[in-house]
Amino acid sequence: MEGKFIIPVPLLNIINGGEHAKNSTDIQEFMAVPAGFKKFRHAIQAGCEVYHSLYSLLASKGLGTTVGDEGGFAPSLGSNKEALELIVDAIEKAGYTPGKEFFIAIDTAATELFNSKDKTYNLKREGTSVKAEKFCSIYDSWVTDYPLNQYRRRPVLKMNGKNGAT
């Protein structure tokens, strides 16, 4: 085999929600993505620093620092957007630049939010249920407002001519 081997950029699960942490966010996973580093070991080191920075932020705000099923923190937050804001704050507190050295990835697990009876997505933390088009609009606002680079742009798809969950 010729050429260089390249180690992928890690996706570090730092806030758990959904089915992985019932009291946290609707979104299943929020991940820190240390994409602005040339060496894998530097990316991992920076990821650890952001994780510990997030721990300090959560503790200082009186939020839970217990972890969910996959190792991310599972604080009880008022909204899904609050998780994104906390991650941006943790990146900055650790001395890094969101959108340059770090990005955010999310795994929505939209099937867990989908109500097949009324064809809506139940966003408990937002206090609402929304149709697929509105759910996509929420996603788009997150992409605009936060340094998201790993996400499913359209968390929904059409199945048999009806909006359904992915």
N, C-alpha and C. Protein backbone atom coordinates (compact mmCIF):
# COMPACT_ATOMS: atom_id res chain seq x y z
N MET A 1 0.83 -1.17 0.00
CA MET A 1 0.00 0.00 0.00
C MET A 1 0.89 1.24 0.00
N GLU A 2 0.60 2.16 -0.90
CA GLU A 2 1.39 3.37 -1.01
C GLU A 2 0.70 4.56 -0.36
N GLY A 3 1.47 5.59 -0.13
CA GLY A 3 0.91 6.82 0.40
C GLY A 3 0.92 6.87 1.91
N LYS A 4 0.46 8.00 2.41
CA LYS A 4 0.41 8.23 3.85
C LYS A 4 -0.91 7.72 4.42
N PHE A 5 -0.81 7.22 5.63
CA PHE A 5 -2.01 6.89 6.37
C PHE A 5 -2.43 8.13 7.16
N ILE A 6 -3.70 8.39 7.18
CA ILE A 6 -4.21 9.56 7.88
C ILE A 6 -5.18 9.10 8.96
N ILE A 7 -4.95 9.54 10.17
CA ILE A 7 -5.86 9.23 11.26
C ILE A 7 -7.01 10.23 11.21
N PRO A 8 -8.25 9.75 11.32
CA PRO A 8 -9.39 10.67 11.24
C PRO A 8 -9.46 11.61 12.45
N VAL A 9 -10.18 12.68 12.26
CA VAL A 9 -10.42 13.63 13.35
C VAL A 9 -11.39 12.97 14.34
N PRO A 10 -11.07 13.01 15.63
CA PRO A 10 -11.97 12.39 16.61
C PRO A 10 -13.24 13.22 16.82
N LEU A 11 -14.32 12.53 17.11
CA LEU A 11 -15.57 13.16 17.53
C LEU A 11 -15.76 12.79 18.99
N LEU A 12 -15.65 13.75 19.87
CA LEU A 12 -15.64 13.50 21.31
C LEU A 12 -17.00 13.84 21.92
N ASN A 13 -17.71 12.82 22.34
CA ASN A 13 -19.05 12.96 22.89
C ASN A 13 -18.96 13.65 24.26
N ILE A 14 -19.43 14.89 24.35
CA ILE A 14 -19.27 15.62 25.61
C ILE A 14 -20.58 15.99 26.30
N ILE A 15 -21.69 15.99 25.58
CA ILE A 15 -23.00 16.15 26.22
C ILE A 15 -23.93 15.09 25.66
N ASN A 16 -24.50 14.30 26.56
CA ASN A 16 -25.46 13.25 26.20
C ASN A 16 -26.87 13.73 26.49
N GLY A 17 -27.79 13.30 25.66
CA GLY A 17 -29.20 13.60 25.87
C GLY A 17 -30.03 12.49 25.27
N GLY A 18 -31.26 12.81 24.92
CA GLY A 18 -32.14 11.83 24.30
C GLY A 18 -32.27 10.56 25.12
N GLU A 19 -32.19 9.42 24.45
CA GLU A 19 -32.31 8.12 25.11
C GLU A 19 -31.09 7.79 25.95
N HIS A 20 -29.99 8.48 25.76
CA HIS A 20 -28.77 8.21 26.51
C HIS A 20 -28.73 8.91 27.87
N ALA A 21 -29.57 9.89 28.05
CA ALA A 21 -29.61 10.65 29.31
C ALA A 21 -30.97 11.34 29.39
N LYS A 22 -31.91 10.70 29.96
CA LYS A 22 -33.32 11.13 29.92
C LYS A 22 -33.59 12.54 30.46
N ASN A 23 -32.80 13.03 31.38
CA ASN A 23 -33.06 14.35 31.97
C ASN A 23 -32.34 15.49 31.26
N SER A 24 -31.64 15.20 30.20
CA SER A 24 -30.82 16.21 29.55
C SER A 24 -31.54 16.80 28.34
N THR A 25 -30.88 16.86 27.21
CA THR A 25 -31.42 17.47 26.00
C THR A 25 -32.24 16.48 25.18
N ASP A 26 -32.98 17.00 24.20
CA ASP A 26 -33.67 16.13 23.25
C ASP A 26 -32.67 15.48 22.30
N ILE A 27 -31.62 16.21 21.96
CA ILE A 27 -30.59 15.73 21.05
C ILE A 27 -29.76 14.67 21.76
N GLN A 28 -29.50 13.57 21.08
CA GLN A 28 -28.83 12.43 21.71
C GLN A 28 -27.36 12.68 22.03
N GLU A 29 -26.63 13.29 21.11
CA GLU A 29 -25.20 13.50 21.33
C GLU A 29 -24.75 14.85 20.79
N PHE A 30 -23.99 15.54 21.60
CA PHE A 30 -23.27 16.74 21.18
C PHE A 30 -21.79 16.40 21.31
N MET A 31 -21.05 16.58 20.23
CA MET A 31 -19.64 16.18 20.22
C MET A 31 -18.73 17.36 19.90
N ALA A 32 -17.59 17.40 20.57
CA ALA A 32 -16.54 18.37 20.25
C ALA A 32 -15.67 17.75 19.16
N VAL A 33 -15.36 18.55 18.16
CA VAL A 33 -14.57 18.07 17.02
C VAL A 33 -13.29 18.91 16.92
N PRO A 34 -12.17 18.39 17.43
CA PRO A 34 -10.90 19.13 17.36
C PRO A 34 -10.27 18.99 15.98
N ALA A 35 -10.80 19.73 15.00
CA ALA A 35 -10.39 19.58 13.60
C ALA A 35 -9.24 20.48 13.21
N GLY A 36 -8.84 21.38 14.07
CA GLY A 36 -7.80 22.35 13.70
C GLY A 36 -6.42 22.00 14.20
N PHE A 37 -6.11 20.72 14.31
CA PHE A 37 -4.81 20.29 14.82
C PHE A 37 -4.13 19.37 13.82
N LYS A 38 -2.82 19.53 13.67
CA LYS A 38 -2.08 18.71 12.71
C LYS A 38 -1.79 17.31 13.23
N LYS A 39 -1.67 17.18 14.54
CA LYS A 39 -1.33 15.89 15.12
C LYS A 39 -2.51 15.37 15.95
N PHE A 40 -2.76 14.07 15.82
CA PHE A 40 -3.85 13.43 16.53
C PHE A 40 -3.71 13.61 18.04
N ARG A 41 -2.50 13.46 18.54
CA ARG A 41 -2.29 13.58 19.99
C ARG A 41 -2.63 14.98 20.49
N HIS A 42 -2.39 15.99 19.67
CA HIS A 42 -2.75 17.36 20.06
C HIS A 42 -4.27 17.53 20.06
N ALA A 43 -4.93 16.90 19.10
CA ALA A 43 -6.40 16.96 19.04
C ALA A 43 -7.01 16.30 20.28
N ILE A 44 -6.47 15.15 20.66
CA ILE A 44 -6.98 14.45 21.85
C ILE A 44 -6.71 15.28 23.11
N GLN A 45 -5.51 15.83 23.22
CA GLN A 45 -5.18 16.67 24.38
C GLN A 45 -6.13 17.86 24.48
N ALA A 46 -6.34 18.54 23.36
CA ALA A 46 -7.24 19.69 23.35
C ALA A 46 -8.67 19.26 23.68
N GLY A 47 -9.08 18.10 23.17
CA GLY A 47 -10.40 17.57 23.48
C GLY A 47 -10.58 17.33 24.97
N CYS A 48 -9.56 16.79 25.61
CA CYS A 48 -9.59 16.58 27.07
C CYS A 48 -9.71 17.91 27.80
N GLU A 49 -9.00 18.91 27.31
CA GLU A 49 -9.05 20.23 27.94
C GLU A 49 -10.45 20.84 27.82
N VAL A 50 -11.08 20.68 26.67
CA VAL A 50 -12.44 21.19 26.49
C VAL A 50 -13.42 20.43 27.38
N TYR A 51 -13.26 19.11 27.47
CA TYR A 51 -14.12 18.29 28.33
C TYR A 51 -14.03 18.77 29.78
N HIS A 52 -12.83 18.98 30.27
CA HIS A 52 -12.64 19.44 31.65
C HIS A 52 -13.13 20.88 31.83
N SER A 53 -12.99 21.68 30.80
CA SER A 53 -13.51 23.04 30.82
C SER A 53 -15.04 23.02 30.93
N LEU A 54 -15.66 22.12 30.18
CA LEU A 54 -17.11 21.97 30.24
C LEU A 54 -17.54 21.52 31.64
N TYR A 55 -16.80 20.59 32.21
CA TYR A 55 -17.08 20.15 33.59
C TYR A 55 -17.08 21.35 34.54
N SER A 56 -16.06 22.18 34.45
CA SER A 56 -15.96 23.36 35.32
C SER A 56 -17.12 24.32 35.11
N LEU A 57 -17.49 24.54 33.85
CA LEU A 57 -18.62 25.43 33.55
C LEU A 57 -19.91 24.90 34.14
N LEU A 58 -20.15 23.61 33.94
CA LEU A 58 -21.38 23.00 34.47
C LEU A 58 -21.43 23.12 35.99
N ALA A 59 -20.31 22.79 36.63
CA ALA A 59 -20.25 22.85 38.10
C ALA A 59 -20.46 24.28 38.60
N SER A 60 -19.86 25.26 37.92
CA SER A 60 -19.98 26.65 38.36
C SER A 60 -21.40 27.19 38.20
N LYS A 61 -22.18 26.60 37.29
CA LYS A 61 -23.57 27.01 37.08
C LYS A 61 -24.55 26.17 37.89
N GLY A 62 -24.00 25.25 38.69
CA GLY A 62 -24.87 24.39 39.50
C GLY A 62 -25.58 23.32 38.70
N LEU A 63 -25.06 23.02 37.51
CA LEU A 63 -25.67 21.99 36.65
C LEU A 63 -25.01 20.65 36.93
N GLY A 64 -25.73 19.58 36.65
CA GLY A 64 -25.22 18.25 36.91
C GLY A 64 -23.98 17.91 36.09
N THR A 65 -23.08 17.18 36.72
CA THR A 65 -21.87 16.74 36.04
C THR A 65 -21.82 15.22 35.94
N THR A 66 -22.96 14.57 36.14
CA THR A 66 -23.01 13.13 35.93
C THR A 66 -22.90 12.87 34.44
N VAL A 67 -22.52 11.65 34.08
CA VAL A 67 -22.35 11.33 32.67
C VAL A 67 -23.45 10.39 32.19
N GLY A 68 -23.74 10.48 30.90
CA GLY A 68 -24.74 9.64 30.27
C GLY A 68 -24.14 8.31 29.84
N ASP A 69 -24.91 7.54 29.09
CA ASP A 69 -24.52 6.19 28.67
C ASP A 69 -23.23 6.15 27.86
N GLU A 70 -22.88 7.23 27.19
CA GLU A 70 -21.72 7.21 26.31
C GLU A 70 -20.60 8.16 26.75
N GLY A 71 -20.63 8.56 28.02
CA GLY A 71 -19.51 9.32 28.57
C GLY A 71 -19.61 10.82 28.54
N GLY A 72 -20.60 11.36 27.86
CA GLY A 72 -20.78 12.81 27.88
C GLY A 72 -21.54 13.23 29.12
N PHE A 73 -21.41 14.48 29.49
CA PHE A 73 -22.16 14.99 30.63
C PHE A 73 -23.65 15.00 30.29
N ALA A 74 -24.48 14.89 31.33
CA ALA A 74 -25.92 14.84 31.13
C ALA A 74 -26.64 15.86 32.02
N PRO A 75 -26.32 17.14 31.83
CA PRO A 75 -26.97 18.16 32.66
C PRO A 75 -28.42 18.37 32.25
N SER A 76 -29.23 18.79 33.19
CA SER A 76 -30.61 19.13 32.88
C SER A 76 -30.61 20.57 32.37
N LEU A 77 -30.82 20.73 31.08
CA LEU A 77 -30.76 22.05 30.45
C LEU A 77 -32.15 22.51 30.04
N GLY A 78 -32.33 23.80 29.93
CA GLY A 78 -33.61 24.37 29.56
C GLY A 78 -33.94 24.26 28.08
N SER A 79 -32.91 24.08 27.25
CA SER A 79 -33.13 23.99 25.81
C SER A 79 -31.98 23.23 25.16
N ASN A 80 -32.20 22.80 23.94
CA ASN A 80 -31.14 22.14 23.18
C ASN A 80 -30.05 23.13 22.79
N LYS A 81 -30.47 24.36 22.52
CA LYS A 81 -29.53 25.41 22.15
C LYS A 81 -28.56 25.72 23.29
N GLU A 82 -29.02 25.56 24.52
CA GLU A 82 -28.16 25.81 25.68
C GLU A 82 -26.94 24.89 25.67
N ALA A 83 -27.12 23.66 25.19
CA ALA A 83 -25.98 22.74 25.09
C ALA A 83 -24.94 23.28 24.11
N LEU A 84 -25.39 23.80 22.98
CA LEU A 84 -24.47 24.37 22.00
C LEU A 84 -23.73 25.57 22.59
N GLU A 85 -24.44 26.41 23.32
CA GLU A 85 -23.82 27.58 23.95
C GLU A 85 -22.78 27.17 24.99
N LEU A 86 -23.09 26.15 25.78
CA LEU A 86 -22.14 25.66 26.78
C LEU A 86 -20.87 25.11 26.12
N ILE A 87 -21.04 24.42 25.02
CA ILE A 87 -19.87 23.85 24.34
C ILE A 87 -18.99 24.95 23.77
N VAL A 88 -19.60 25.95 23.15
CA VAL A 88 -18.83 27.09 22.64
C VAL A 88 -18.08 27.76 23.79
N ASP A 89 -18.76 27.97 24.91
CA ASP A 89 -18.11 28.58 26.09
C ASP A 89 -16.95 27.72 26.59
N ALA A 90 -17.14 26.40 26.61
CA ALA A 90 -16.09 25.49 27.08
C ALA A 90 -14.88 25.52 26.16
N ILE A 91 -15.12 25.59 24.86
CA ILE A 91 -14.02 25.68 23.88
C ILE A 91 -13.21 26.95 24.14
N GLU A 92 -13.92 28.07 24.29
CA GLU A 92 -13.24 29.35 24.53
C GLU A 92 -12.52 29.36 25.88
N LYS A 93 -13.16 28.82 26.90
CA LYS A 93 -12.55 28.79 28.24
C LYS A 93 -11.27 27.95 28.24
N ALA A 94 -11.22 26.93 27.39
CA ALA A 94 -10.02 26.10 27.28
C ALA A 94 -8.93 26.77 26.45
N GLY A 95 -9.25 27.93 25.87
CA GLY A 95 -8.25 28.68 25.11
C GLY A 95 -8.23 28.42 23.62
N TYR A 96 -9.32 27.86 23.09
CA TYR A 96 -9.39 27.54 21.67
C TYR A 96 -10.46 28.38 20.98
N THR A 97 -10.43 28.38 19.67
CA THR A 97 -11.35 29.18 18.88
C THR A 97 -12.41 28.31 18.22
N PRO A 98 -13.69 28.51 18.59
CA PRO A 98 -14.76 27.77 17.92
C PRO A 98 -14.80 28.15 16.43
N GLY A 99 -14.96 27.15 15.58
CA GLY A 99 -15.00 27.40 14.15
C GLY A 99 -13.64 27.42 13.49
N LYS A 100 -12.57 27.35 14.29
CA LYS A 100 -11.22 27.31 13.75
C LYS A 100 -10.52 26.03 14.22
N GLU A 101 -10.33 25.92 15.53
CA GLU A 101 -9.67 24.73 16.08
C GLU A 101 -10.69 23.67 16.48
N PHE A 102 -11.88 24.11 16.85
CA PHE A 102 -12.94 23.20 17.27
C PHE A 102 -14.23 23.48 16.55
N PHE A 103 -14.94 22.40 16.27
CA PHE A 103 -16.28 22.46 15.71
C PHE A 103 -17.18 21.63 16.62
N ILE A 104 -18.45 21.62 16.32
CA ILE A 104 -19.41 20.81 17.08
C ILE A 104 -20.11 19.86 16.11
N ALA A 105 -20.28 18.63 16.55
CA ALA A 105 -21.05 17.64 15.80
C ALA A 105 -22.25 17.25 16.65
N ILE A 106 -23.37 16.94 16.00
CA ILE A 106 -24.53 16.47 16.74
C ILE A 106 -25.11 15.22 16.09
N ASP A 107 -25.63 14.36 16.93
CA ASP A 107 -26.40 13.19 16.49
C ASP A 107 -27.78 13.37 17.10
N THR A 108 -28.72 13.71 16.27
CA THR A 108 -30.06 14.02 16.75
C THR A 108 -30.83 12.80 17.21
N ALA A 109 -30.63 11.65 16.54
CA ALA A 109 -31.45 10.46 16.78
C ALA A 109 -32.93 10.83 16.60
N ALA A 110 -33.23 11.38 15.44
CA ALA A 110 -34.57 11.91 15.16
C ALA A 110 -35.68 10.88 15.33
N THR A 111 -35.38 9.61 15.11
CA THR A 111 -36.42 8.59 15.26
C THR A 111 -36.95 8.54 16.69
N GLU A 112 -36.11 8.89 17.65
CA GLU A 112 -36.53 8.88 19.05
C GLU A 112 -37.46 10.06 19.37
N LEU A 113 -37.44 11.08 18.55
CA LEU A 113 -38.27 12.27 18.77
C LEU A 113 -39.57 12.23 17.97
N PHE A 114 -39.64 11.33 17.00
CA PHE A 114 -40.74 11.31 16.04
C PHE A 114 -42.00 10.66 16.60
N ASN A 115 -43.12 11.36 16.45
CA ASN A 115 -44.43 10.84 16.83
C ASN A 115 -45.13 10.46 15.53
N SER A 116 -45.26 9.17 15.28
CA SER A 116 -45.81 8.70 14.00
C SER A 116 -47.30 9.00 13.86
N LYS A 117 -48.01 9.18 14.96
CA LYS A 117 -49.44 9.48 14.87
C LYS A 117 -49.71 10.84 14.25
N ASP A 118 -49.03 11.86 14.77
CA ASP A 118 -49.28 13.20 14.23
C ASP A 118 -48.15 13.72 13.35
N LYS A 119 -47.17 12.85 13.08
CA LYS A 119 -46.06 13.18 12.17
C LYS A 119 -45.30 14.43 12.61
N THR A 120 -45.01 14.49 13.89
CA THR A 120 -44.25 15.61 14.43
C THR A 120 -43.05 15.10 15.22
N TYR A 121 -42.15 16.02 15.49
CA TYR A 121 -40.98 15.75 16.32
C TYR A 121 -41.21 16.43 17.66
N ASN A 122 -41.18 15.65 18.73
CA ASN A 122 -41.46 16.15 20.06
C ASN A 122 -40.18 16.68 20.69
N LEU A 123 -40.08 17.99 20.80
CA LEU A 123 -38.93 18.64 21.41
C LEU A 123 -39.33 19.09 22.81
N LYS A 124 -39.20 18.18 23.76
CA LYS A 124 -39.64 18.44 25.14
C LYS A 124 -38.93 19.63 25.76
N ARG A 125 -37.62 19.75 25.52
CA ARG A 125 -36.86 20.85 26.11
C ARG A 125 -37.29 22.20 25.56
N GLU A 126 -37.81 22.19 24.35
CA GLU A 126 -38.29 23.43 23.74
C GLU A 126 -39.77 23.65 24.06
N GLY A 127 -40.42 22.62 24.62
CA GLY A 127 -41.84 22.71 24.96
C GLY A 127 -42.74 22.73 23.76
N THR A 128 -42.35 22.00 22.69
CA THR A 128 -43.14 22.04 21.47
C THR A 128 -42.98 20.75 20.67
N SER A 129 -43.91 20.56 19.75
CA SER A 129 -43.80 19.52 18.73
C SER A 129 -43.84 20.22 17.39
N VAL A 130 -42.98 19.80 16.47
CA VAL A 130 -42.88 20.50 15.19
C VAL A 130 -42.92 19.51 14.02
N LYS A 131 -43.40 19.99 12.91
CA LYS A 131 -43.39 19.21 11.67
C LYS A 131 -41.97 19.19 11.11
N ALA A 132 -41.76 18.31 10.15
CA ALA A 132 -40.42 18.10 9.58
C ALA A 132 -39.80 19.40 9.06
N GLU A 133 -40.57 20.20 8.36
CA GLU A 133 -40.04 21.44 7.79
C GLU A 133 -39.52 22.38 8.87
N LYS A 134 -40.25 22.51 9.96
CA LYS A 134 -39.83 23.38 11.07
C LYS A 134 -38.60 22.80 11.76
N PHE A 135 -38.56 21.46 11.90
CA PHE A 135 -37.41 20.81 12.51
C PHE A 135 -36.15 21.10 11.69
N CYS A 136 -36.27 21.03 10.38
CA CYS A 136 -35.14 21.36 9.51
C CYS A 136 -34.74 22.82 9.65
N SER A 137 -35.71 23.69 9.83
CA SER A 137 -35.43 25.11 10.03
C SER A 137 -34.66 25.35 11.33
N ILE A 138 -35.01 24.61 12.37
CA ILE A 138 -34.28 24.70 13.64
C ILE A 138 -32.83 24.29 13.42
N TYR A 139 -32.64 23.18 12.73
CA TYR A 139 -31.29 22.70 12.39
C TYR A 139 -30.51 23.77 11.66
N ASP A 140 -31.14 24.34 10.64
CA ASP A 140 -30.46 25.36 9.84
C ASP A 140 -30.04 26.56 10.69
N SER A 141 -30.86 26.94 11.67
CA SER A 141 -30.49 28.06 12.54
C SER A 141 -29.28 27.69 13.39
N TRP A 142 -29.19 26.44 13.83
CA TRP A 142 -28.01 26.00 14.60
C TRP A 142 -26.75 26.05 13.74
N VAL A 143 -26.89 25.64 12.48
CA VAL A 143 -25.74 25.66 11.56
C VAL A 143 -25.26 27.09 11.35
N THR A 144 -26.19 28.02 11.28
CA THR A 144 -25.86 29.43 11.10
C THR A 144 -25.23 30.04 12.35
N ASP A 145 -25.76 29.69 13.51
CA ASP A 145 -25.36 30.34 14.77
C ASP A 145 -24.19 29.70 15.50
N TYR A 146 -23.86 28.46 15.18
CA TYR A 146 -22.82 27.72 15.92
C TYR A 146 -21.86 27.04 14.95
N PRO A 147 -20.66 26.70 15.41
CA PRO A 147 -19.67 26.07 14.52
C PRO A 147 -19.93 24.57 14.31
N LEU A 148 -21.08 24.26 13.71
CA LEU A 148 -21.40 22.87 13.41
C LEU A 148 -20.74 22.46 12.10
N ASN A 149 -20.06 21.34 12.10
CA ASN A 149 -19.52 20.85 10.84
C ASN A 149 -19.83 19.39 10.60
N GLN A 150 -20.35 18.71 11.57
CA GLN A 150 -20.73 17.31 11.41
C GLN A 150 -22.18 17.20 11.87
N TYR A 151 -23.08 17.00 10.95
CA TYR A 151 -24.49 16.92 11.29
C TYR A 151 -25.23 16.37 10.10
N ARG A 152 -26.42 15.95 10.32
CA ARG A 152 -27.30 15.58 9.22
C ARG A 152 -28.12 16.82 8.92
N ARG A 153 -27.82 17.45 7.82
CA ARG A 153 -28.47 18.72 7.48
C ARG A 153 -29.99 18.57 7.48
N ARG A 154 -30.46 17.46 7.02
CA ARG A 154 -31.89 17.19 7.02
C ARG A 154 -32.14 15.99 7.92
N PRO A 155 -32.57 16.23 9.15
CA PRO A 155 -32.77 15.13 10.08
C PRO A 155 -34.01 14.30 9.77
N VAL A 156 -34.71 14.67 8.72
CA VAL A 156 -35.93 13.95 8.35
C VAL A 156 -35.86 13.60 6.88
N LEU A 157 -36.67 12.65 6.48
CA LEU A 157 -36.74 12.30 5.07
C LEU A 157 -38.16 11.91 4.74
N LYS A 158 -38.42 11.76 3.45
CA LYS A 158 -39.75 11.35 3.05
C LYS A 158 -39.77 9.84 2.89
N MET A 159 -40.72 9.22 3.55
CA MET A 159 -40.89 7.77 3.44
C MET A 159 -42.31 7.53 2.95
N ASN A 160 -42.44 6.83 1.83
CA ASN A 160 -43.75 6.53 1.27
C ASN A 160 -44.60 7.79 1.08
N GLY A 161 -43.94 8.88 0.69
CA GLY A 161 -44.65 10.12 0.43
C GLY A 161 -45.03 10.91 1.67
N LYS A 162 -44.65 10.43 2.85
CA LYS A 162 -44.98 11.12 4.10
C LYS A 162 -43.69 11.48 4.81
N ASN A 163 -43.72 12.58 5.53
CA ASN A 163 -42.54 12.93 6.33
C ASN A 163 -42.34 11.90 7.41
N GLY A 164 -41.10 11.47 7.57
CA GLY A 164 -40.80 10.47 8.59
C GLY A 164 -39.43 10.72 9.16
N ALA A 165 -39.07 9.93 10.13
CA ALA A 165 -37.80 10.11 10.82
C ALA A 165 -36.70 9.31 10.16
N THR A 166 -35.48 9.80 10.29
CA THR A 166 -34.32 9.06 9.81
C THR A 166 -33.74 8.28 10.95
